[in-house]
């Protein structure tokens, strides 16, 4: 399997996401997980990145790790919804 390497010199998660997507499409799931993890370090509230890393882990059979990412998405979404509800009733 050939490896895809993209030089990233930025703290912008979009470059890691782009690199992770290219690696995922090339079935380099470990490389994709590494890039998605770096993007998550920069932008931990990006549900899309968590989802993509979870899917890559699942493709490698790492279902426990995948489920951790999916669980984080659900937990974060729940907190956001609670915040919206409290804001709506002016419970700051």
PDB file of N, CA and C in Angstrom:
ATOM      1  N   UNK A   1       0.840  -1.164   0.000  1.00  0.00           N
ATOM      2  CA  UNK A   1       0.000   0.000   0.000  1.00  0.00           C
ATOM      3  C   UNK A   1       0.893   1.239   0.000  1.00  0.00           C
ATOM      4  N   UNK A   2       0.627   2.137  -0.919  1.00  0.00           N
ATOM      5  CA  UNK A   2       1.411   3.371  -0.948  1.00  0.00           C
ATOM      6  C   UNK A   2       0.853   4.338   0.076  1.00  0.00           C
ATOM      7  N   UNK A   3       1.723   5.134   0.610  1.00  0.00           N
ATOM      8  CA  UNK A   3       1.325   6.099   1.629  1.00  0.00           C
ATOM      9  C   UNK A   3       1.246   7.487   1.020  1.00  0.00           C
ATOM     10  N   UNK A   4       0.257   8.247   1.444  1.00  0.00           N
ATOM     11  CA  UNK A   4       0.107   9.615   0.987  1.00  0.00           C
ATOM     12  C   UNK A   4       0.653  10.522   2.069  1.00  0.00           C
ATOM     13  N   UNK A   5       1.527  11.435   1.675  1.00  0.00           N
ATOM     14  CA  UNK A   5       2.120  12.358   2.627  1.00  0.00           C
ATOM     15  C   UNK A   5       1.905  13.770   2.123  1.00  0.00           C
ATOM     16  N   UNK A   6       1.283  14.577   2.948  1.00  0.00           N
ATOM     17  CA  UNK A   6       1.062  15.976   2.617  1.00  0.00           C
ATOM     18  C   UNK A   6       1.680  16.804   3.732  1.00  0.00           C
ATOM     19  N   UNK A   7       2.559  17.732   3.368  1.00  0.00           N
ATOM     20  CA  UNK A   7       3.216  18.587   4.351  1.00  0.00           C
ATOM     21  C   UNK A   7       2.229  19.633   4.852  1.00  0.00           C
ATOM     22  N   UNK A   8       2.078  19.719   6.157  1.00  0.00           N
ATOM     23  CA  UNK A   8       1.152  20.660   6.760  1.00  0.00           C
ATOM     24  C   UNK A   8       1.928  21.534   7.731  1.00  0.00           C
ATOM     25  N   UNK A   9       1.899  22.825   7.507  1.00  0.00           N
ATOM     26  CA  UNK A   9       2.613  23.772   8.362  1.00  0.00           C
ATOM     27  C   UNK A   9       1.660  24.764   9.007  1.00  0.00           C
ATOM     28  N   UNK A  10       0.461  24.348   9.279  1.00  0.00           N
ATOM     29  CA  UNK A  10      -0.554  25.287   9.718  1.00  0.00           C
ATOM     30  C   UNK A  10      -1.300  24.761  10.935  1.00  0.00           C
ATOM     31  N   UNK A  11      -1.877  25.687  11.670  1.00  0.00           N
ATOM     32  CA  UNK A  11      -2.753  25.304  12.774  1.00  0.00           C
ATOM     33  C   UNK A  11      -4.206  25.330  12.330  1.00  0.00           C
ATOM     34  N   UNK A  12      -4.423  25.357  11.024  1.00  0.00           N
ATOM     35  CA  UNK A  12      -5.753  25.335  10.438  1.00  0.00           C
ATOM     36  C   UNK A  12      -6.167  23.877  10.258  1.00  0.00           C
ATOM     37  N   UNK A  13      -7.253  23.446  10.910  1.00  0.00           N
ATOM     38  CA  UNK A  13      -7.629  22.027  10.812  1.00  0.00           C
ATOM     39  C   UNK A  13      -8.014  21.594   9.406  1.00  0.00           C
ATOM     40  N   UNK A  14      -8.359  22.541   8.524  1.00  0.00           N
ATOM     41  CA  UNK A  14      -8.812  22.154   7.183  1.00  0.00           C
ATOM     42  C   UNK A  14      -7.729  21.410   6.394  1.00  0.00           C
ATOM     43  N   UNK A  15      -6.470  21.732   6.635  1.00  0.00           N
ATOM     44  CA  UNK A  15      -5.394  21.026   5.932  1.00  0.00           C
ATOM     45  C   UNK A  15      -5.285  19.575   6.415  1.00  0.00           C
ATOM     46  N   UNK A  16      -5.449  19.370   7.713  1.00  0.00           N
ATOM     47  CA  UNK A  16      -5.433  18.002   8.242  1.00  0.00           C
ATOM     48  C   UNK A  16      -6.656  17.223   7.749  1.00  0.00           C
ATOM     49  N   UNK A  17      -7.786  17.899   7.670  1.00  0.00           N
ATOM     50  CA  UNK A  17      -9.003  17.249   7.191  1.00  0.00           C
ATOM     51  C   UNK A  17      -8.831  16.827   5.734  1.00  0.00           C
ATOM     52  N   UNK A  18      -8.290  17.719   4.929  1.00  0.00           N
ATOM     53  CA  UNK A  18      -8.056  17.416   3.505  1.00  0.00           C
ATOM     54  C   UNK A  18      -7.094  16.237   3.355  1.00  0.00           C
ATOM     55  N   UNK A  19      -6.028  16.253   4.135  1.00  0.00           N
ATOM     56  CA  UNK A  19      -5.053  15.166   4.090  1.00  0.00           C
ATOM     57  C   UNK A  19      -5.685  13.857   4.579  1.00  0.00           C
ATOM     58  N   UNK A  20      -6.460  13.942   5.656  1.00  0.00           N
ATOM     59  CA  UNK A  20      -7.135  12.756   6.179  1.00  0.00           C
ATOM     60  C   UNK A  20      -8.102  12.165   5.175  1.00  0.00           C
ATOM     61  N   UNK A  21      -8.824  13.032   4.470  1.00  0.00           N
ATOM     62  CA  UNK A  21      -9.771  12.553   3.456  1.00  0.00           C
ATOM     63  C   UNK A  21      -9.040  11.820   2.337  1.00  0.00           C
ATOM     64  N   UNK A  22      -7.917  12.390   1.879  1.00  0.00           N
ATOM     65  CA  UNK A  22      -7.139  11.738   0.809  1.00  0.00           C
ATOM     66  C   UNK A  22      -6.639  10.370   1.271  1.00  0.00           C
ATOM     67  N   UNK A  23      -6.168  10.294   2.496  1.00  0.00           N
ATOM     68  CA  UNK A  23      -5.678   9.018   3.029  1.00  0.00           C
ATOM     69  C   UNK A  23      -6.818   8.024   3.200  1.00  0.00           C
ATOM     70  N   UNK A  24      -7.969   8.503   3.672  1.00  0.00           N
ATOM     71  CA  UNK A  24      -9.129   7.626   3.833  1.00  0.00           C
ATOM     72  C   UNK A  24      -9.539   7.037   2.479  1.00  0.00           C
ATOM     73  N   UNK A  25      -9.613   7.898   1.461  1.00  0.00           N
ATOM     74  CA  UNK A  25      -9.997   7.429   0.121  1.00  0.00           C
ATOM     75  C   UNK A  25      -8.993   6.429  -0.451  1.00  0.00           C
ATOM     76  N   UNK A  26      -7.727   6.551  -0.020  1.00  0.00           N
ATOM     77  CA  UNK A  26      -6.692   5.608  -0.463  1.00  0.00           C
ATOM     78  C   UNK A  26      -6.642   4.364   0.432  1.00  0.00           C
ATOM     79  N   UNK A  27      -7.605   4.278   1.370  1.00  0.00           N
ATOM     80  CA  UNK A  27      -7.698   3.167   2.322  1.00  0.00           C
ATOM     81  C   UNK A  27      -6.525   3.123   3.304  1.00  0.00           C
ATOM     82  N   UNK A  28      -5.858   4.265   3.477  1.00  0.00           N
ATOM     83  CA  UNK A  28      -4.820   4.407   4.489  1.00  0.00           C
ATOM     84  C   UNK A  28      -5.509   4.932   5.758  1.00  0.00           C
ATOM     85  N   UNK A  29      -6.253   4.042   6.401  1.00  0.00           N
ATOM     86  CA  UNK A  29      -7.083   4.443   7.538  1.00  0.00           C
ATOM     87  C   UNK A  29      -6.250   4.897   8.735  1.00  0.00           C
ATOM     88  N   UNK A  30      -5.118   4.261   8.951  1.00  0.00           N
ATOM     89  CA  UNK A  30      -4.256   4.684  10.066  1.00  0.00           C
ATOM     90  C   UNK A  30      -3.753   6.106   9.846  1.00  0.00           C
ATOM     91  N   UNK A  31      -3.351   6.416   8.607  1.00  0.00           N
ATOM     92  CA  UNK A  31      -2.916   7.770   8.287  1.00  0.00           C
ATOM     93  C   UNK A  31      -4.050   8.769   8.429  1.00  0.00           C
ATOM     94  N   UNK A  32      -5.247   8.363   8.007  1.00  0.00           N
ATOM     95  CA  UNK A  32      -6.419   9.238   8.131  1.00  0.00           C
ATOM     96  C   UNK A  32      -6.724   9.513   9.599  1.00  0.00           C
ATOM     97  N   UNK A  33      -6.645   8.484  10.425  1.00  0.00           N
ATOM     98  CA  UNK A  33      -6.898   8.644  11.862  1.00  0.00           C
ATOM     99  C   UNK A  33      -5.896   9.623  12.459  1.00  0.00           C
ATOM    100  N   UNK A  34      -4.643   9.509  12.069  1.00  0.00           N
ATOM    101  CA  UNK A  34      -3.613  10.409  12.574  1.00  0.00           C
ATOM    102  C   UNK A  34      -3.929  11.863  12.195  1.00  0.00           C
ATOM    103  N   UNK A  35      -4.280  12.087  10.933  1.00  0.00           N
ATOM    104  CA  UNK A  35      -4.598  13.451  10.498  1.00  0.00           C
ATOM    105  C   UNK A  35      -5.871  13.971  11.158  1.00  0.00           C
ATOM    106  N   UNK A  36      -6.893  13.128  11.239  1.00  0.00           N
ATOM    107  CA  UNK A  36      -8.133  13.562  11.887  1.00  0.00           C
ATOM    108  C   UNK A  36      -7.895  13.870  13.364  1.00  0.00           C
ATOM    109  N   UNK A  37      -7.040  13.102  14.015  1.00  0.00           N
ATOM    110  CA  UNK A  37      -6.719  13.355  15.423  1.00  0.00           C
ATOM    111  C   UNK A  37      -6.060  14.717  15.593  1.00  0.00           C
ATOM    112  N   UNK A  38      -5.169  15.064  14.670  1.00  0.00           N
ATOM    113  CA  UNK A  38      -4.518  16.375  14.724  1.00  0.00           C
ATOM    114  C   UNK A  38      -5.536  17.488  14.509  1.00  0.00           C
ATOM    115  N   UNK A  39      -6.476  17.269  13.603  1.00  0.00           N
ATOM    116  CA  UNK A  39      -7.523  18.265  13.362  1.00  0.00           C
ATOM    117  C   UNK A  39      -8.412  18.421  14.594  1.00  0.00           C
ATOM    118  N   UNK A  40      -8.695  17.314  15.269  1.00  0.00           N
ATOM    119  CA  UNK A  40      -9.513  17.356  16.478  1.00  0.00           C
ATOM    120  C   UNK A  40      -8.791  18.099  17.594  1.00  0.00           C
ATOM    121  N   UNK A  41      -7.473  17.951  17.663  1.00  0.00           N
ATOM    122  CA  UNK A  41      -6.698  18.708  18.658  1.00  0.00           C
ATOM    123  C   UNK A  41      -6.875  20.211  18.459  1.00  0.00           C
ATOM    124  N   UNK A  42      -6.991  20.637  17.209  1.00  0.00           N
ATOM    125  CA  UNK A  42      -7.157  22.050  16.890  1.00  0.00           C
ATOM    126  C   UNK A  42      -8.613  22.484  17.065  1.00  0.00           C
ATOM    127  N   UNK A  43      -9.546  21.636  16.660  1.00  0.00           N
ATOM    128  CA  UNK A  43     -10.973  21.979  16.670  1.00  0.00           C
ATOM    129  C   UNK A  43     -11.782  20.830  17.278  1.00  0.00           C
ATOM    130  N   UNK A  44     -11.754  20.701  18.607  1.00  0.00           N
ATOM    131  CA  UNK A  44     -12.412  19.557  19.248  1.00  0.00           C
ATOM    132  C   UNK A  44     -13.942  19.552  19.165  1.00  0.00           C
ATOM    133  N   UNK A  45     -14.548  20.655  18.755  1.00  0.00           N
ATOM    134  CA  UNK A  45     -16.009  20.700  18.646  1.00  0.00           C
ATOM    135  C   UNK A  45     -16.503  20.392  17.237  1.00  0.00           C
ATOM    136  N   UNK A  46     -15.632  19.995  16.349  1.00  0.00           N
ATOM    137  CA  UNK A  46     -16.027  19.693  14.977  1.00  0.00           C
ATOM    138  C   UNK A  46     -16.522  18.246  14.909  1.00  0.00           C
ATOM    139  N   UNK A  47     -17.842  18.100  14.889  1.00  0.00           N
ATOM    140  CA  UNK A  47     -18.456  16.773  14.891  1.00  0.00           C
ATOM    141  C   UNK A  47     -18.105  15.979  13.642  1.00  0.00           C
ATOM    142  N   UNK A  48     -17.953  16.655  12.521  1.00  0.00           N
ATOM    143  CA  UNK A  48     -17.648  15.973  11.268  1.00  0.00           C
ATOM    144  C   UNK A  48     -16.312  15.245  11.339  1.00  0.00           C
ATOM    145  N   UNK A  49     -15.318  15.897  11.943  1.00  0.00           N
ATOM    146  CA  UNK A  49     -14.002  15.256  12.067  1.00  0.00           C
ATOM    147  C   UNK A  49     -14.095  14.043  12.992  1.00  0.00           C
ATOM    148  N   UNK A  50     -14.787  14.193  14.113  1.00  0.00           N
ATOM    149  CA  UNK A  50     -14.962  13.056  15.029  1.00  0.00           C
ATOM    150  C   UNK A  50     -15.632  11.884  14.313  1.00  0.00           C
ATOM    151  N   UNK A  51     -16.661  12.197  13.529  1.00  0.00           N
ATOM    152  CA  UNK A  51     -17.384  11.158  12.790  1.00  0.00           C
ATOM    153  C   UNK A  51     -16.440  10.441  11.825  1.00  0.00           C
ATOM    154  N   UNK A  52     -15.663  11.218  11.072  1.00  0.00           N
ATOM    155  CA  UNK A  52     -14.763  10.617  10.081  1.00  0.00           C
ATOM    156  C   UNK A  52     -13.699   9.751  10.751  1.00  0.00           C
ATOM    157  N   UNK A  53     -13.173  10.212  11.889  1.00  0.00           N
ATOM    158  CA  UNK A  53     -12.181   9.395  12.593  1.00  0.00           C
ATOM    159  C   UNK A  53     -12.839   8.119  13.111  1.00  0.00           C
ATOM    160  N   UNK A  54     -14.073   8.233  13.588  1.00  0.00           N
ATOM    161  CA  UNK A  54     -14.794   7.052  14.053  1.00  0.00           C
ATOM    162  C   UNK A  54     -14.994   6.031  12.943  1.00  0.00           C
ATOM    163  N   UNK A  55     -15.350   6.515  11.775  1.00  0.00           N
ATOM    164  CA  UNK A  55     -15.544   5.608  10.635  1.00  0.00           C
ATOM    165  C   UNK A  55     -14.218   4.950  10.249  1.00  0.00           C
ATOM    166  N   UNK A  56     -13.137   5.713  10.243  1.00  0.00           N
ATOM    167  CA  UNK A  56     -11.819   5.137   9.909  1.00  0.00           C
ATOM    168  C   UNK A  56     -11.436   4.061  10.929  1.00  0.00           C
ATOM    169  N   UNK A  57     -11.668   4.341  12.218  1.00  0.00           N
ATOM    170  CA  UNK A  57     -11.393   3.327  13.240  1.00  0.00           C
ATOM    171  C   UNK A  57     -12.241   2.082  13.015  1.00  0.00           C
ATOM    172  N   UNK A  58     -13.492   2.291  12.668  1.00  0.00           N
ATOM    173  CA  UNK A  58     -14.393   1.163  12.418  1.00  0.00           C
ATOM    174  C   UNK A  58     -13.904   0.321  11.243  1.00  0.00           C
ATOM    175  N   UNK A  59     -13.417   0.969  10.187  1.00  0.00           N
ATOM    176  CA  UNK A  59     -12.911   0.242   9.011  1.00  0.00           C
ATOM    177  C   UNK A  59     -11.733  -0.648   9.371  1.00  0.00           C
ATOM    178  N   UNK A  60     -10.973  -0.240  10.398  1.00  0.00           N
ATOM    179  CA  UNK A  60      -9.831  -1.051  10.834  1.00  0.00           C
ATOM    180  C   UNK A  60     -10.239  -2.097  11.871  1.00  0.00           C
ATOM    181  N   UNK A  61     -11.515  -2.100  12.222  1.00  0.00           N
ATOM    182  CA  UNK A  61     -11.993  -3.054  13.218  1.00  0.00           C
ATOM    183  C   UNK A  61     -11.814  -2.568  14.647  1.00  0.00           C
ATOM    184  N   UNK A  62     -11.450  -1.307  14.818  1.00  0.00           N
ATOM    185  CA  UNK A  62     -11.263  -0.729  16.161  1.00  0.00           C
ATOM    186  C   UNK A  62     -12.592  -0.128  16.625  1.00  0.00           C
ATOM    187  N   UNK A  63     -13.552  -1.004  16.860  1.00  0.00           N
ATOM    188  CA  UNK A  63     -14.908  -0.556  17.161  1.00  0.00           C
ATOM    189  C   UNK A  63     -15.014   0.159  18.498  1.00  0.00           C
ATOM    190  N   UNK A  64     -14.211  -0.215  19.461  1.00  0.00           N
ATOM    191  CA  UNK A  64     -14.223   0.451  20.753  1.00  0.00           C
ATOM    192  C   UNK A  64     -13.806   1.918  20.593  1.00  0.00           C
ATOM    193  N   UNK A  65     -12.746   2.155  19.816  1.00  0.00           N
ATOM    194  CA  UNK A  65     -12.280   3.523  19.564  1.00  0.00           C
ATOM    195  C   UNK A  65     -13.318   4.302  18.752  1.00  0.00           C
ATOM    196  N   UNK A  66     -13.898   3.645  17.756  1.00  0.00           N
ATOM    197  CA  UNK A  66     -14.922   4.299  16.941  1.00  0.00           C
ATOM    198  C   UNK A  66     -16.096   4.726  17.817  1.00  0.00           C
ATOM    199  N   UNK A  67     -16.522   3.837  18.688  1.00  0.00           N
ATOM    200  CA  UNK A  67     -17.662   4.153  19.555  1.00  0.00           C
ATOM    201  C   UNK A  67     -17.357   5.301  20.506  1.00  0.00           C
ATOM    202  N   UNK A  68     -16.092   5.455  20.903  1.00  0.00           N
ATOM    203  CA  UNK A  68     -15.722   6.596  21.752  1.00  0.00           C
ATOM    204  C   UNK A  68     -15.979   7.907  21.013  1.00  0.00           C
ATOM    205  N   UNK A  69     -15.597   7.956  19.740  1.00  0.00           N
ATOM    206  CA  UNK A  69     -15.838   9.168  18.947  1.00  0.00           C
ATOM    207  C   UNK A  69     -17.337   9.409  18.763  1.00  0.00           C
ATOM    208  N   UNK A  70     -18.070   8.363  18.456  1.00  0.00           N
ATOM    209  CA  UNK A  70     -19.510   8.526  18.249  1.00  0.00           C
ATOM    210  C   UNK A  70     -20.195   8.967  19.545  1.00  0.00           C
ATOM    211  N   UNK A  71     -19.733   8.448  20.668  1.00  0.00           N
ATOM    212  CA  UNK A  71     -20.288   8.833  21.960  1.00  0.00           C
ATOM    213  C   UNK A  71     -19.988  10.307  22.262  1.00  0.00           C
ATOM    214  N   UNK A  72     -18.776  10.763  21.922  1.00  0.00           N
ATOM    215  CA  UNK A  72     -18.423  12.177  22.127  1.00  0.00           C
ATOM    216  C   UNK A  72     -19.356  13.087  21.340  1.00  0.00           C
ATOM    217  N   UNK A  73     -19.682  12.688  20.126  1.00  0.00           N
ATOM    218  CA  UNK A  73     -20.596  13.482  19.296  1.00  0.00           C
ATOM    219  C   UNK A  73     -21.942  13.609  19.996  1.00  0.00           C
ATOM    220  N   UNK A  74     -22.453  12.489  20.475  1.00  0.00           N
ATOM    221  CA  UNK A  74     -23.760  12.517  21.145  1.00  0.00           C
ATOM    222  C   UNK A  74     -23.730  13.359  22.416  1.00  0.00           C
ATOM    223  N   UNK A  75     -22.653  13.232  23.199  1.00  0.00           N
ATOM    224  CA  UNK A  75     -22.535  13.994  24.432  1.00  0.00           C
ATOM    225  C   UNK A  75     -22.454  15.489  24.153  1.00  0.00           C
ATOM    226  N   UNK A  76     -21.643  15.871  23.183  1.00  0.00           N
ATOM    227  CA  UNK A  76     -21.492  17.285  22.859  1.00  0.00           C
ATOM    228  C   UNK A  76     -22.786  17.857  22.299  1.00  0.00           C
ATOM    229  N   UNK A  77     -23.459  17.087  21.470  1.00  0.00           N
ATOM    230  CA  UNK A  77     -24.734  17.549  20.916  1.00  0.00           C
ATOM    231  C   UNK A  77     -25.758  17.751  22.032  1.00  0.00           C
ATOM    232  N   UNK A  78     -25.734  16.870  23.020  1.00  0.00           N
ATOM    233  CA  UNK A  78     -26.667  16.988  24.146  1.00  0.00           C
ATOM    234  C   UNK A  78     -26.411  18.274  24.930  1.00  0.00           C
ATOM    235  N   UNK A  79     -25.146  18.594  25.173  1.00  0.00           N
ATOM    236  CA  UNK A  79     -24.815  19.826  25.899  1.00  0.00           C
ATOM    237  C   UNK A  79     -25.228  21.066  25.108  1.00  0.00           C
ATOM    238  N   UNK A  80     -25.041  21.026  23.818  1.00  0.00           N
ATOM    239  CA  UNK A  80     -25.435  22.153  22.977  1.00  0.00           C
ATOM    240  C   UNK A  80     -26.946  22.349  23.044  1.00  0.00           C
ATOM    241  N   UNK A  81     -27.687  21.264  22.953  1.00  0.00           N
ATOM    242  CA  UNK A  81     -29.148  21.358  23.014  1.00  0.00           C
ATOM    243  C   UNK A  81     -29.617  21.880  24.373  1.00  0.00           C
ATOM    244  N   UNK A  82     -28.992  21.410  25.452  1.00  0.00           N
ATOM    245  CA  UNK A  82     -29.339  21.923  26.785  1.00  0.00           C
ATOM    246  C   UNK A  82     -29.068  23.419  26.871  1.00  0.00           C
ATOM    247  N   UNK A  83     -27.938  23.846  26.334  1.00  0.00           N
ATOM    248  CA  UNK A  83     -27.600  25.264  26.343  1.00  0.00           C
ATOM    249  C   UNK A  83     -28.609  26.092  25.573  1.00  0.00           C
ATOM    250  N   UNK A  84     -29.031  25.599  24.438  1.00  0.00           N
ATOM    251  CA  UNK A  84     -30.040  26.302  23.636  1.00  0.00           C
ATOM    252  C   UNK A  84     -31.361  26.429  24.402  1.00  0.00           C
ATOM    253  N   UNK A  85     -31.755  25.335  25.063  1.00  0.00           N
ATOM    254  CA  UNK A  85     -32.994  25.364  25.835  1.00  0.00           C
ATOM    255  C   UNK A  85     -32.911  26.385  26.961  1.00  0.00           C
ATOM    256  N   UNK A  86     -31.815  26.372  27.706  1.00  0.00           N
ATOM    257  CA  UNK A  86     -31.644  27.315  28.817  1.00  0.00           C
ATOM    258  C   UNK A  86     -31.584  28.756  28.310  1.00  0.00           C
ATOM    259  N   UNK A  87     -30.927  28.972  27.193  1.00  0.00           N
ATOM    260  CA  UNK A  87     -30.866  30.302  26.616  1.00  0.00           C
ATOM    261  C   UNK A  87     -32.269  30.776  26.224  1.00  0.00           C
ATOM    262  N   UNK A  88     -33.037  29.841  25.671  1.00  0.00           N
ATOM    263  CA  UNK A  88     -34.402  30.163  25.249  1.00  0.00           C
ATOM    264  C   UNK A  88     -35.305  30.612  26.380  1.00  0.00           C
ATOM    265  N   UNK A  89     -35.044  30.106  27.581  1.00  0.00           N
ATOM    266  CA  UNK A  89     -35.858  30.512  28.731  1.00  0.00           C
ATOM    267  C   UNK A  89     -35.099  31.519  29.600  1.00  0.00           C
ATOM    268  N   UNK A  90     -34.027  32.079  29.053  1.00  0.00           N
ATOM    269  CA  UNK A  90     -33.205  33.094  29.689  1.00  0.00           C
ATOM    270  C   UNK A  90     -32.591  32.624  31.006  1.00  0.00           C
ATOM    271  N   UNK A  91     -32.253  31.342  31.056  1.00  0.00           N
ATOM    272  CA  UNK A  91     -31.560  30.776  32.224  1.00  0.00           C
ATOM    273  C   UNK A  91     -30.065  30.790  31.912  1.00  0.00           C
ATOM    274  N   UNK A  92     -29.436  31.933  32.172  1.00  0.00           N
ATOM    275  CA  UNK A  92     -28.037  32.118  31.817  1.00  0.00           C
ATOM    276  C   UNK A  92     -27.122  31.568  32.879  1.00  0.00           C
TER     277      UNK A  92
END
